[in-house]
Amino acid sequence: MVSIVKVPGINGLGRTKGCERAGNAILDALKDIHTNEQGKPIDVALLDLEEIHLDNKNPGLTNKLIYENCLEIFKEKPKTIFLGGDHSISYSINRAFLDACRDSEREPCLIVFDAHADCLTPSIASKRGFPTNREWIRGLVEAGFPGKNIMIVGARNMERAELNFLKEQDIRIISMNQIVEDIQDTCDIIMEFSDGKDLYVSIDIDVVDPSSAPSTAHPEPGGLASRQFIYMIQRINKIRNLRGLDLTEINEKNDKDKTTVKLGAKILAELL
């Protein structure tokens, strides 16, 4: 059974307040989805649910708790879905994933769906070991995750310093145009990239166009249609070595008509 863990962490310099409520909102919306598109029945009451209880006023403790809990999860669970929270949670989750891979002598692979590269120049907070939602990939690489094993899909607004960092670290980018030109080939590239490695997939909902996912901290026009993204997730979910995924940056507080939360529930349903 797939495990689901709520991780209500936020460290977005005030722009992501409300994301800590997304996990409960997504699970509530999931109650309206009776089967996923593969015909699997969905019953929220039967899900393997956990939560890492966090104090967002103490980022140091927050990151420590995320890391310690996730390290045990990766050692014990075959596949886990983490519900954020903003994208800062992915830093400590993936530090734990990296260490779990090292302990099992497996090679880690990280696929990130995001409108941004999240490699901004480190802030004071980042240098202390708890990067914000826009710095976490840089922090993760500096913590030892091999850049050549990271792929960012759908990024379309990056600062020049980020582009330089990506090039220096050999981090691969899949552009929006590449996806639109041949989405099936893009999925094949992702599967080939992760072949022979333990795979973790990190999702920032802003990879989807704001018309389908408006309630997020950093919306960017020109993103994936929700149908395109669901197709890609369905393909990725078939990868046997998929060990974990996270879904982040859904701001339940500002999601007046629940469009973004409902999309989150749809994505979760297709991963079960």
C-alpha atoms as a PDB file:
ATOM      1  CA  MET A   1       0.000   0.000   0.000  1.00  0.00           C
ATOM      2  CA  VAL A   2       1.169   3.516  -0.784  1.00  0.00           C
ATOM      3  CA  SER A   3       1.781   5.592   2.329  1.00  0.00           C
ATOM      4  CA  ILE A   4       0.651   9.224   2.548  1.00  0.00           C
ATOM      5  CA  VAL A   5       2.404  11.603   4.916  1.00  0.00           C
ATOM      6  CA  LYS A   6       1.272  15.166   5.581  1.00  0.00           C
ATOM      7  CA  VAL A   7       4.211  17.557   5.926  1.00  0.00           C
ATOM      8  CA  PRO A   8       2.731  21.009   6.705  1.00  0.00           C
ATOM      9  CA  GLY A   9       6.030  22.879   6.558  1.00  0.00           C
ATOM     10  CA  ILE A  10       6.373  26.390   5.131  1.00  0.00           C
ATOM     11  CA  ASN A  11       9.448  28.541   4.665  1.00  0.00           C
ATOM     12  CA  GLY A  12       8.528  30.911   1.863  1.00  0.00           C
ATOM     13  CA  LEU A  13       9.336  34.305   3.371  1.00  0.00           C
ATOM     14  CA  GLY A  14       5.671  34.928   4.121  1.00  0.00           C
ATOM     15  CA  ARG A  15       4.357  34.208   0.617  1.00  0.00           C
ATOM     16  CA  THR A  16       3.305  30.619   1.268  1.00  0.00           C
ATOM     17  CA  LYS A  17       1.201  30.976   4.409  1.00  0.00           C
ATOM     18  CA  GLY A  18      -1.841  28.790   3.844  1.00  0.00           C
ATOM     19  CA  CYS A  19       0.086  25.956   2.187  1.00  0.00           C
ATOM     20  CA  GLU A  20       0.378  24.244   5.564  1.00  0.00           C
ATOM     21  CA  ARG A  21      -3.379  23.559   5.320  1.00  0.00           C
ATOM     22  CA  ALA A  22      -3.195  21.888   1.912  1.00  0.00           C
ATOM     23  CA  GLY A  23      -2.786  18.301   3.075  1.00  0.00           C
ATOM     24  CA  ASN A  24      -6.075  18.179   4.952  1.00  0.00           C
ATOM     25  CA  ALA A  25      -7.858  20.079   2.171  1.00  0.00           C
ATOM     26  CA  ILE A  26      -6.591  17.689  -0.520  1.00  0.00           C
ATOM     27  CA  LEU A  27      -7.656  14.634   1.472  1.00  0.00           C
ATOM     28  CA  ASP A  28     -11.070  16.177   2.043  1.00  0.00           C
ATOM     29  CA  ALA A  29     -11.471  16.819  -1.697  1.00  0.00           C
ATOM     30  CA  LEU A  30     -10.309  13.257  -2.396  1.00  0.00           C
ATOM     31  CA  LYS A  31     -13.531  12.027  -0.785  1.00  0.00           C
ATOM     32  CA  ASP A  32     -15.381  13.182  -3.917  1.00  0.00           C
ATOM     33  CA  ILE A  33     -13.221  10.991  -6.181  1.00  0.00           C
ATOM     34  CA  HIS A  34     -14.626   7.466  -6.148  1.00  0.00           C
ATOM     35  CA  THR A  35     -12.160   5.824  -8.568  1.00  0.00           C
ATOM     36  CA  ASN A  36      -9.051   6.963 -10.364  1.00  0.00           C
ATOM     37  CA  GLU A  37      -8.645   6.690 -14.133  1.00  0.00           C
ATOM     38  CA  GLN A  38      -7.165   3.193 -13.819  1.00  0.00           C
ATOM     39  CA  GLY A  39     -10.405   2.087 -12.165  1.00  0.00           C
ATOM     40  CA  LYS A  40      -8.944   1.750  -8.684  1.00  0.00           C
ATOM     41  CA  PRO A  41     -11.509   2.521  -5.946  1.00  0.00           C
ATOM     42  CA  ILE A  42     -10.591   5.448  -3.696  1.00  0.00           C
ATOM     43  CA  ASP A  43     -11.588   5.278  -0.040  1.00  0.00           C
ATOM     44  CA  VAL A  44      -9.927   7.900   2.147  1.00  0.00           C
ATOM     45  CA  ALA A  45     -10.808   5.932   5.280  1.00  0.00           C
ATOM     46  CA  LEU A  46      -8.602   3.040   4.103  1.00  0.00           C
ATOM     47  CA  LEU A  47      -5.510   5.102   3.286  1.00  0.00           C
ATOM     48  CA  ASP A  48      -2.255   4.649   5.196  1.00  0.00           C
ATOM     49  CA  LEU A  49      -2.050   8.197   6.602  1.00  0.00           C
ATOM     50  CA  GLU A  50       0.547   9.860   8.806  1.00  0.00           C
ATOM     51  CA  GLU A  51       1.559  13.419   9.672  1.00  0.00           C
ATOM     52  CA  ILE A  52       4.849  14.972  10.709  1.00  0.00           C
ATOM     53  CA  HIS A  53       3.812  17.575  13.277  1.00  0.00           C
ATOM     54  CA  LEU A  54       5.808  20.758  12.794  1.00  0.00           C
ATOM     55  CA  ASP A  55       6.315  24.191  14.295  1.00  0.00           C
ATOM     56  CA  ASN A  56       6.848  26.590  11.400  1.00  0.00           C
ATOM     57  CA  LYS A  57       8.135  29.256  13.767  1.00  0.00           C
ATOM     58  CA  ASN A  58      11.222  27.108  14.297  1.00  0.00           C
ATOM     59  CA  PRO A  59      12.678  26.190  10.866  1.00  0.00           C
ATOM     60  CA  GLY A  60      15.682  24.456  12.362  1.00  0.00           C
ATOM     61  CA  LEU A  61      13.520  22.051  14.346  1.00  0.00           C
ATOM     62  CA  THR A  62      11.131  21.694  11.408  1.00  0.00           C
ATOM     63  CA  ASN A  63      13.897  20.532   9.093  1.00  0.00           C
ATOM     64  CA  LYS A  64      15.299  18.194  11.749  1.00  0.00           C
ATOM     65  CA  LEU A  65      11.912  16.544  12.257  1.00  0.00           C
ATOM     66  CA  ILE A  66      11.277  16.190   8.533  1.00  0.00           C
ATOM     67  CA  TYR A  67      14.699  14.641   7.954  1.00  0.00           C
ATOM     68  CA  GLU A  68      14.544  12.184  10.859  1.00  0.00           C
ATOM     69  CA  ASN A  69      10.993  11.030  10.123  1.00  0.00           C
ATOM     70  CA  CYS A  70      11.597  10.686   6.380  1.00  0.00           C
ATOM     71  CA  LEU A  71      14.803   8.738   6.843  1.00  0.00           C
ATOM     72  CA  GLU A  72      12.833   6.106   8.762  1.00  0.00           C
ATOM     73  CA  ILE A  73      10.033   6.215   6.181  1.00  0.00           C
ATOM     74  CA  PHE A  74      12.410   5.576   3.260  1.00  0.00           C
ATOM     75  CA  LYS A  75      13.949   2.662   5.135  1.00  0.00           C
ATOM     76  CA  GLU A  76      10.580   1.084   5.967  1.00  0.00           C
ATOM     77  CA  LYS A  77       8.125   2.032   3.202  1.00  0.00           C
ATOM     78  CA  PRO A  78       8.367   1.003  -0.467  1.00  0.00           C
ATOM     79  CA  LYS A  79       6.591   4.133  -1.765  1.00  0.00           C
ATOM     80  CA  THR A  80       5.418   7.292  -0.015  1.00  0.00           C
ATOM     81  CA  ILE A  81       3.530  10.419  -1.076  1.00  0.00           C
ATOM     82  CA  PHE A  82       4.255  13.557   0.935  1.00  0.00           C
ATOM     83  CA  LEU A  83       1.640  16.315   1.005  1.00  0.00           C
ATOM     84  CA  GLY A  84       3.031  19.806   1.664  1.00  0.00           C
ATOM     85  CA  GLY A  85       3.405  22.458   2.717  1.00  0.00           C
ATOM     86  CA  ASP A  86       5.496  24.611   0.398  1.00  0.00           C
ATOM     87  CA  HIS A  87       8.474  23.446  -1.625  1.00  0.00           C
ATOM     88  CA  SER A  88      10.945  24.040   1.205  1.00  0.00           C
ATOM     89  CA  ILE A  89       9.908  20.654   2.671  1.00  0.00           C
ATOM     90  CA  SER A  90      11.570  18.916  -0.282  1.00  0.00           C
ATOM     91  CA  TYR A  91      15.031  19.891   0.973  1.00  0.00           C
ATOM     92  CA  SER A  92      14.957  17.788   4.139  1.00  0.00           C
ATOM     93  CA  ILE A  93      12.881  15.025   2.548  1.00  0.00           C
ATOM     94  CA  ASN A  94      15.493  14.618  -0.171  1.00  0.00           C
ATOM     95  CA  ARG A  95      18.406  14.814   2.244  1.00  0.00           C
ATOM     96  CA  ALA A  96      16.808  11.810   3.927  1.00  0.00           C
ATOM     97  CA  PHE A  97      16.212  10.163   0.541  1.00  0.00           C
ATOM     98  CA  LEU A  98      19.868  10.688  -0.386  1.00  0.00           C
ATOM     99  CA  ASP A  99      21.090   9.153   2.872  1.00  0.00           C
ATOM    100  CA  ALA A 100      18.683   6.225   2.573  1.00  0.00           C
ATOM    101  CA  CYS A 101      19.995   5.552  -0.943  1.00  0.00           C
ATOM    102  CA  ARG A 102      23.574   5.688   0.305  1.00  0.00           C
ATOM    103  CA  ASP A 103      22.768   3.248   3.114  1.00  0.00           C
ATOM    104  CA  SER A 104      21.232   0.794   0.632  1.00  0.00           C
ATOM    105  CA  GLU A 105      23.983   1.396  -1.944  1.00  0.00           C
ATOM    106  CA  ARG A 106      21.462   2.695  -4.476  1.00  0.00           C
ATOM    107  CA  GLU A 107      21.881   5.693  -6.760  1.00  0.00           C
ATOM    108  CA  PRO A 108      19.378   8.532  -6.161  1.00  0.00           C
ATOM    109  CA  CYS A 109      17.471  10.336  -8.890  1.00  0.00           C
ATOM    110  CA  LEU A 110      15.329  13.457  -8.485  1.00  0.00           C
ATOM    111  CA  ILE A 111      12.746  14.713 -10.996  1.00  0.00           C
ATOM    112  CA  VAL A 112      11.313  18.142 -10.151  1.00  0.00           C
ATOM    113  CA  PHE A 113       8.194  19.561 -11.788  1.00  0.00           C
ATOM    114  CA  ASP A 114       8.371  23.317 -11.258  1.00  0.00           C
ATOM    115  CA  ALA A 115       7.941  26.616 -13.071  1.00  0.00           C
ATOM    116  CA  HIS A 116      11.168  27.763 -11.380  1.00  0.00           C
ATOM    117  CA  ALA A 117      14.626  26.314 -10.806  1.00  0.00           C
ATOM    118  CA  ASP A 118      14.584  26.935  -7.023  1.00  0.00           C
ATOM    119  CA  CYS A 119      18.329  27.586  -7.076  1.00  0.00           C
ATOM    120  CA  LEU A 120      18.401  31.187  -5.906  1.00  0.00           C
ATOM    121  CA  THR A 121      21.536  32.473  -4.211  1.00  0.00           C
ATOM    122  CA  PRO A 122      21.484  31.198  -0.625  1.00  0.00           C
ATOM    123  CA  SER A 123      19.997  33.451   2.038  1.00  0.00           C
ATOM    124  CA  ILE A 124      21.161  33.476   5.657  1.00  0.00           C
ATOM    125  CA  ALA A 125      18.427  30.917   6.416  1.00  0.00           C
ATOM    126  CA  SER A 126      19.659  28.657   3.649  1.00  0.00           C
ATOM    127  CA  LYS A 127      23.236  28.826   4.891  1.00  0.00           C
ATOM    128  CA  ARG A 128      21.991  27.717   8.305  1.00  0.00           C
ATOM    129  CA  GLY A 129      20.598  24.548   6.774  1.00  0.00           C
ATOM    130  CA  PHE A 130      16.945  25.380   6.127  1.00  0.00           C
ATOM    131  CA  PRO A 131      16.560  26.785   2.589  1.00  0.00           C
ATOM    132  CA  THR A 132      13.403  28.577   1.502  1.00  0.00           C
ATOM    133  CA  ASN A 133      11.052  27.248  -1.160  1.00  0.00           C
ATOM    134  CA  ARG A 134      13.075  29.117  -3.833  1.00  0.00           C
ATOM    135  CA  GLU A 135      16.507  27.879  -2.724  1.00  0.00           C
ATOM    136  CA  TRP A 136      16.044  24.246  -1.812  1.00  0.00           C
ATOM    137  CA  ILE A 137      17.541  22.578  -4.912  1.00  0.00           C
ATOM    138  CA  ARG A 138      20.741  24.597  -4.599  1.00  0.00           C
ATOM    139  CA  GLY A 139      20.873  23.707  -0.900  1.00  0.00           C
ATOM    140  CA  LEU A 140      20.322  20.032  -1.677  1.00  0.00           C
ATOM    141  CA  VAL A 141      23.142  19.931  -4.227  1.00  0.00           C
ATOM    142  CA  GLU A 142      25.446  21.706  -1.795  1.00  0.00           C
ATOM    143  CA  ALA A 143      24.493  19.047   0.767  1.00  0.00           C
ATOM    144  CA  GLY A 144      25.782  16.348  -1.576  1.00  0.00           C
ATOM    145  CA  PHE A 145      22.956  15.349  -3.937  1.00  0.00           C
ATOM    146  CA  PRO A 146      24.571  14.761  -7.367  1.00  0.00           C
ATOM    147  CA  GLY A 147      23.440  17.455  -9.802  1.00  0.00           C
ATOM    148  CA  LYS A 148      23.790  15.106 -12.769  1.00  0.00           C
ATOM    149  CA  ASN A 149      20.976  13.012 -11.266  1.00  0.00           C
ATOM    150  CA  ILE A 150      18.526  15.935 -11.081  1.00  0.00           C
ATOM    151  CA  MET A 151      16.093  16.905 -13.819  1.00  0.00           C
ATOM    152  CA  ILE A 152      13.790  19.942 -13.677  1.00  0.00           C
ATOM    153  CA  VAL A 153      10.689  19.724 -15.861  1.00  0.00           C
ATOM    154  CA  GLY A 154       8.613  22.718 -16.968  1.00  0.00           C
ATOM    155  CA  ALA A 155      10.787  25.566 -15.632  1.00  0.00           C
ATOM    156  CA  ARG A 156      10.039  28.783 -17.502  1.00  0.00           C
ATOM    157  CA  ASN A 157      11.232  31.667 -15.319  1.00  0.00           C
ATOM    158  CA  MET A 158      14.806  31.456 -14.046  1.00  0.00           C
ATOM    159  CA  GLU A 159      17.337  34.045 -12.959  1.00  0.00           C
ATOM    160  CA  ARG A 160      20.695  34.234 -14.754  1.00  0.00           C
ATOM    161  CA  ALA A 161      22.565  33.080 -11.649  1.00  0.00           C
ATOM    162  CA  GLU A 162      20.292  30.038 -11.479  1.00  0.00           C
ATOM    163  CA  LEU A 163      21.021  29.156 -15.104  1.00  0.00           C
ATOM    164  CA  ASN A 164      24.742  29.359 -14.382  1.00  0.00           C
ATOM    165  CA  PHE A 165      24.341  27.098 -11.335  1.00  0.00           C
ATOM    166  CA  LEU A 166      22.333  24.545 -13.325  1.00  0.00           C
ATOM    167  CA  LYS A 167      25.016  24.441 -16.001  1.00  0.00           C
ATOM    168  CA  GLU A 168      27.839  24.171 -13.478  1.00  0.00           C
ATOM    169  CA  GLN A 169      26.122  21.299 -11.656  1.00  0.00           C
ATOM    170  CA  ASP A 170      25.027  19.473 -14.821  1.00  0.00           C
ATOM    171  CA  ILE A 171      21.358  19.662 -13.807  1.00  0.00           C
ATOM    172  CA  ARG A 172      19.122  18.860 -16.754  1.00  0.00           C
ATOM    173  CA  ILE A 173      16.188  21.046 -17.819  1.00  0.00           C
ATOM    174  CA  ILE A 174      13.172  19.884 -19.840  1.00  0.00           C
ATOM    175  CA  SER A 175      11.580  22.988 -21.348  1.00  0.00           C
ATOM    176  CA  MET A 176       7.885  23.620 -21.832  1.00  0.00           C
ATOM    177  CA  ASN A 177       8.356  23.629 -25.609  1.00  0.00           C
ATOM    178  CA  GLN A 178       9.975  20.206 -25.471  1.00  0.00           C
ATOM    179  CA  ILE A 179       6.994  18.867 -23.530  1.00  0.00           C
ATOM    180  CA  VAL A 180       4.440  20.438 -25.884  1.00  0.00           C
ATOM    181  CA  GLU A 181       6.236  19.211 -28.998  1.00  0.00           C
ATOM    182  CA  ASP A 182       6.194  15.570 -27.854  1.00  0.00           C
ATOM    183  CA  ILE A 183       4.830  14.753 -24.420  1.00  0.00           C
ATOM    184  CA  GLN A 184       5.203  11.007 -24.919  1.00  0.00           C
ATOM    185  CA  ASP A 185       8.867  11.390 -25.832  1.00  0.00           C
ATOM    186  CA  THR A 186       9.359  13.596 -22.769  1.00  0.00           C
ATOM    187  CA  CYS A 187       7.958  10.851 -20.552  1.00  0.00           C
ATOM    188  CA  ASP A 188      10.274   8.350 -22.239  1.00  0.00           C
ATOM    189  CA  ILE A 189      13.239  10.652 -21.511  1.00  0.00           C
ATOM    190  CA  ILE A 190      12.245  10.859 -17.840  1.00  0.00           C
ATOM    191  CA  MET A 191      11.949   7.084 -17.600  1.00  0.00           C
ATOM    192  CA  GLU A 192      15.338   6.613 -19.270  1.00  0.00           C
ATOM    193  CA  PHE A 193      16.923   9.249 -17.012  1.00  0.00           C
ATOM    194  CA  SER A 194      15.735   7.411 -13.892  1.00  0.00           C
ATOM    195  CA  ASP A 195      16.511   3.914 -15.122  1.00  0.00           C
ATOM    196  CA  GLY A 196      18.589   1.924 -12.657  1.00  0.00           C
ATOM    197  CA  LYS A 197      18.238   4.535  -9.899  1.00  0.00           C
ATOM    198  CA  ASP A 198      15.885   5.035  -6.966  1.00  0.00           C
ATOM    199  CA  LEU A 199      13.507   7.796  -8.038  1.00  0.00           C
ATOM    200  CA  TYR A 200      11.958  10.674  -6.124  1.00  0.00           C
ATOM    201  CA  VAL A 201       9.539  13.092  -7.812  1.00  0.00           C
ATOM    202  CA  SER A 202       8.907  16.569  -6.419  1.00  0.00           C
ATOM    203  CA  ILE A 203       5.906  18.577  -7.637  1.00  0.00           C
ATOM    204  CA  ASP A 204       5.373  22.299  -7.317  1.00  0.00           C
ATOM    205  CA  ILE A 205       1.816  22.907  -8.463  1.00  0.00           C
ATOM    206  CA  ASP A 206       2.950  26.041 -10.313  1.00  0.00           C
ATOM    207  CA  VAL A 207       4.288  23.786 -13.085  1.00  0.00           C
ATOM    208  CA  VAL A 208       0.627  23.733 -14.115  1.00  0.00           C
ATOM    209  CA  ASP A 209      -0.736  26.818 -15.829  1.00  0.00           C
ATOM    210  CA  PRO A 210      -2.432  29.321 -13.469  1.00  0.00           C
ATOM    211  CA  SER A 211      -5.702  28.824 -15.348  1.00  0.00           C
ATOM    212  CA  SER A 212      -5.872  25.350 -13.756  1.00  0.00           C
ATOM    213  CA  ALA A 213      -3.870  25.994 -10.562  1.00  0.00           C
ATOM    214  CA  PRO A 214      -4.308  29.651  -9.588  1.00  0.00           C
ATOM    215  CA  SER A 215      -3.760  29.401  -5.838  1.00  0.00           C
ATOM    216  CA  THR A 216      -0.005  29.198  -5.469  1.00  0.00           C
ATOM    217  CA  ALA A 217       2.704  31.605  -4.332  1.00  0.00           C
ATOM    218  CA  HIS A 218       4.537  32.100  -7.625  1.00  0.00           C
ATOM    219  CA  PRO A 219       2.167  31.480 -10.578  1.00  0.00           C
ATOM    220  CA  GLU A 220       3.753  31.607 -14.023  1.00  0.00           C
ATOM    221  CA  PRO A 221       1.815  31.804 -17.316  1.00  0.00           C
ATOM    222  CA  GLY A 222       2.486  29.315 -20.073  1.00  0.00           C
ATOM    223  CA  GLY A 223       2.432  26.198 -17.929  1.00  0.00           C
ATOM    224  CA  LEU A 224       1.172  22.689 -18.455  1.00  0.00           C
ATOM    225  CA  ALA A 225      -2.509  22.040 -18.938  1.00  0.00           C
ATOM    226  CA  SER A 226      -3.895  19.942 -16.109  1.00  0.00           C
ATOM    227  CA  ARG A 227      -4.617  17.115 -18.581  1.00  0.00           C
ATOM    228  CA  GLN A 228      -1.023  17.111 -19.792  1.00  0.00           C
ATOM    229  CA  PHE A 229       0.290  16.963 -16.267  1.00  0.00           C
ATOM    230  CA  ILE A 230      -2.049  14.177 -15.214  1.00  0.00           C
ATOM    231  CA  TYR A 231      -0.902  12.138 -18.213  1.00  0.00           C
ATOM    232  CA  MET A 232       2.747  12.641 -17.249  1.00  0.00           C
ATOM    233  CA  ILE A 233       2.075  11.659 -13.639  1.00  0.00           C
ATOM    234  CA  GLN A 234       0.241   8.533 -14.771  1.00  0.00           C
ATOM    235  CA  ARG A 235       3.262   7.537 -16.853  1.00  0.00           C
ATOM    236  CA  ILE A 236       5.751   8.257 -14.069  1.00  0.00           C
ATOM    237  CA  ASN A 237       3.672   6.322 -11.546  1.00  0.00           C
ATOM    238  CA  LYS A 238       4.377   3.175 -13.552  1.00  0.00           C
ATOM    239  CA  ILE A 239       8.118   3.412 -12.885  1.00  0.00           C
ATOM    240  CA  ARG A 240       8.981   0.474 -10.629  1.00  0.00           C
ATOM    241  CA  ASN A 241      11.812   2.197  -8.793  1.00  0.00           C
ATOM    242  CA  LEU A 242       9.653   5.180  -7.767  1.00  0.00           C
ATOM    243  CA  ARG A 243      10.229   5.528  -4.022  1.00  0.00           C
ATOM    244  CA  GLY A 244       8.572   8.816  -3.176  1.00  0.00           C
ATOM    245  CA  LEU A 245       6.771  11.914  -4.381  1.00  0.00           C
ATOM    246  CA  ASP A 246       5.731  15.206  -2.898  1.00  0.00           C
ATOM    247  CA  LEU A 247       2.993  17.656  -3.853  1.00  0.00           C
ATOM    248  CA  THR A 248       3.627  21.218  -2.728  1.00  0.00           C
ATOM    249  CA  GLU A 249       2.719  24.911  -2.993  1.00  0.00           C
ATOM    250  CA  ILE A 250      -1.078  24.541  -3.002  1.00  0.00           C
ATOM    251  CA  ASN A 251      -2.360  27.494  -0.986  1.00  0.00           C
ATOM    252  CA  GLU A 252      -5.650  26.334   0.490  1.00  0.00           C
ATOM    253  CA  LYS A 253      -6.179  29.660   2.240  1.00  0.00           C
ATOM    254  CA  ASN A 254      -6.507  31.608  -1.025  1.00  0.00           C
ATOM    255  CA  ASP A 255      -8.197  28.879  -3.070  1.00  0.00           C
ATOM    256  CA  LYS A 256     -11.685  30.379  -3.046  1.00  0.00           C
ATOM    257  CA  ASP A 257     -13.366  27.986  -5.477  1.00  0.00           C
ATOM    258  CA  LYS A 258     -11.060  25.041  -4.532  1.00  0.00           C
ATOM    259  CA  THR A 259      -9.806  24.699  -8.129  1.00  0.00           C
ATOM    260  CA  THR A 260      -6.213  24.119  -7.046  1.00  0.00           C
ATOM    261  CA  VAL A 261      -7.097  21.822  -4.151  1.00  0.00           C
ATOM    262  CA  LYS A 262      -9.327  19.730  -6.422  1.00  0.00           C
ATOM    263  CA  LEU A 263      -6.485  19.376  -8.910  1.00  0.00           C
ATOM    264  CA  GLY A 264      -4.250  18.276  -6.033  1.00  0.00           C
ATOM    265  CA  ALA A 265      -6.798  15.625  -5.079  1.00  0.00           C
ATOM    266  CA  LYS A 266      -6.975  14.460  -8.700  1.00  0.00           C
ATOM    267  CA  ILE A 267      -3.178  14.151  -8.860  1.00  0.00           C
ATOM    268  CA  LEU A 268      -3.137  12.221  -5.578  1.00  0.00           C
ATOM    269  CA  ALA A 269      -5.858   9.867  -6.820  1.00  0.00           C
ATOM    270  CA  GLU A 270      -3.826   9.001  -9.920  1.00  0.00           C
ATOM    271  CA  LEU A 271      -0.804   8.168  -7.737  1.00  0.00           C
ATOM    272  CA  LEU A 272      -2.653   5.682  -5.530  1.00  0.00           C
END
